[in-house]
Amino acid sequence: MSVQALPFGVYILAREADWARAHELGYWHTPALESEGFIHAASHEQVPGVYARHFADHVKVFVLKLDEAALVDYLQWDAHPVTGELYPHITAPIPLESVERVYEWPLEY
């Protein structure tokens, strides 16, 4: 799976049950928002690694492309404490209207 398959942008990876729950609520929210102050996200380049580290054991994972302009007041880029790599974080619940597109991962052609 090549990174070029995903358009440039910020993404959330979602387990099937969590994505269904977001539809019930009308927004995306994770426990990390309460405990860490933000929702973890990934750039298009980071999605494969995040999937491999945290989601590979799940049968169905959705990759949600976010509308960065709609979230500009809540989007911040923070350095990973060990690697220094910048990761996007969202500091508020994400309205479903801010999800531009949904992909099933891994992408298949």
Protein backbone atom coordinates (compact mmCIF):
# COMPACT_ATOMS: atom_id res chain seq x y z
CA MET A 1 0.00 0.00 0.00
CA SER A 2 1.59 3.23 -1.05
CA VAL A 3 1.23 6.52 0.77
CA GLN A 4 0.42 8.13 -2.58
CA ALA A 5 -2.92 6.32 -2.45
CA LEU A 6 -4.15 8.79 0.19
CA PRO A 7 -4.57 12.47 -0.61
CA PHE A 8 -2.49 14.97 1.36
CA GLY A 9 -4.17 15.74 4.66
CA VAL A 10 -5.01 14.84 8.24
CA TYR A 11 -6.68 11.55 9.11
CA ILE A 12 -8.25 9.64 11.99
CA LEU A 13 -8.11 5.85 12.09
CA ALA A 14 -11.31 4.29 13.43
CA ARG A 15 -12.30 0.79 14.42
CA GLU A 16 -15.65 -0.28 12.99
CA ALA A 17 -17.47 -0.14 16.34
CA ASP A 18 -16.00 3.28 17.17
CA TRP A 19 -17.09 4.67 13.79
CA ALA A 20 -20.60 3.31 14.34
CA ARG A 21 -20.64 4.98 17.77
CA ALA A 22 -19.61 8.30 16.19
CA HIS A 23 -22.64 8.06 13.92
CA GLU A 24 -24.87 7.56 16.96
CA LEU A 25 -23.35 10.59 18.69
CA GLY A 26 -22.99 12.80 15.61
CA TYR A 27 -19.31 13.47 16.32
CA TRP A 28 -15.96 11.70 16.79
CA HIS A 29 -14.69 11.59 20.35
CA THR A 30 -12.11 9.37 22.06
CA PRO A 31 -11.12 8.83 25.70
CA ALA A 32 -7.77 10.46 24.86
CA LEU A 33 -9.55 13.79 24.50
CA GLU A 34 -10.40 13.64 28.21
CA SER A 35 -7.18 12.04 29.46
CA GLU A 36 -4.62 13.74 27.18
CA GLY A 37 -6.50 16.81 25.99
CA PHE A 38 -6.58 15.81 22.32
CA ILE A 39 -7.66 13.23 19.76
CA HIS A 40 -4.78 11.45 18.05
CA ALA A 41 -4.62 11.93 14.28
CA ALA A 42 -2.11 11.21 11.51
CA SER A 43 -0.86 12.81 8.32
CA HIS A 44 -1.36 10.92 5.07
CA GLU A 45 2.26 9.75 5.36
CA GLN A 46 1.77 8.47 8.92
CA VAL A 47 -1.39 6.41 8.33
CA PRO A 48 0.37 3.13 7.34
CA GLY A 49 2.62 3.21 10.40
CA VAL A 50 -0.19 4.11 12.80
CA TYR A 51 -2.29 1.31 11.31
CA ALA A 52 0.56 -1.20 11.68
CA ARG A 53 1.26 -0.21 15.31
CA HIS A 54 -2.29 0.16 16.64
CA PHE A 55 -4.91 -1.30 14.29
CA ALA A 56 -3.45 -4.27 12.36
CA ASP A 57 -5.28 -6.80 14.53
CA HIS A 58 -8.70 -5.36 13.62
CA VAL A 59 -10.71 -6.80 10.75
CA LYS A 60 -12.19 -3.51 9.58
CA VAL A 61 -10.59 -0.10 10.06
CA PHE A 62 -11.80 3.15 8.56
CA VAL A 63 -9.51 6.03 7.68
CA LEU A 64 -11.32 9.35 7.97
CA LYS A 65 -9.98 12.30 5.99
CA LEU A 66 -10.64 15.46 7.94
CA ASP A 67 -11.50 18.92 6.66
CA GLU A 68 -8.57 20.84 8.11
CA ALA A 69 -10.16 24.22 7.40
CA ALA A 70 -13.22 23.28 9.47
CA LEU A 71 -10.97 22.23 12.37
CA VAL A 72 -8.33 24.97 12.13
CA ASP A 73 -9.12 26.29 15.63
CA TYR A 74 -8.67 22.80 17.12
CA LEU A 75 -5.79 21.38 15.06
CA GLN A 76 -2.29 21.43 16.49
CA TRP A 77 0.93 19.65 15.52
CA ASP A 78 2.96 18.24 18.39
CA ALA A 79 6.33 16.51 18.43
CA HIS A 80 6.42 12.86 19.49
CA PRO A 81 8.36 12.78 22.79
CA VAL A 82 10.81 10.12 21.55
CA THR A 83 11.14 10.56 17.78
CA GLY A 84 10.37 14.26 17.45
CA GLU A 85 8.08 13.48 14.49
CA LEU A 86 5.18 15.94 14.29
CA TYR A 87 1.71 14.44 14.70
CA PRO A 88 -1.62 16.23 14.29
CA HIS A 89 -3.86 16.42 17.34
CA ILE A 90 -7.45 17.65 17.52
CA THR A 91 -8.38 19.39 20.78
CA ALA A 92 -12.19 19.09 20.52
CA PRO A 93 -14.81 16.54 19.46
CA ILE A 94 -14.90 16.27 15.66
CA PRO A 95 -18.31 16.89 14.05
CA LEU A 96 -19.08 14.29 11.39
CA GLU A 97 -19.54 17.18 8.94
CA SER A 98 -15.76 17.69 9.25
CA VAL A 99 -15.06 14.23 7.80
CA GLU A 100 -14.48 14.78 4.07
CA ARG A 101 -14.08 11.17 3.02
CA VAL A 102 -14.00 7.68 4.50
CA TYR A 103 -11.67 4.92 3.29
CA GLU A 104 -11.57 1.31 4.38
CA TRP A 105 -8.01 0.28 5.28
CA PRO A 106 -5.99 -1.32 3.98
CA LEU A 107 -6.89 0.16 0.62
CA GLU A 108 -7.51 -2.37 -2.11
CA TYR A 109 -7.38 -1.81 -5.84
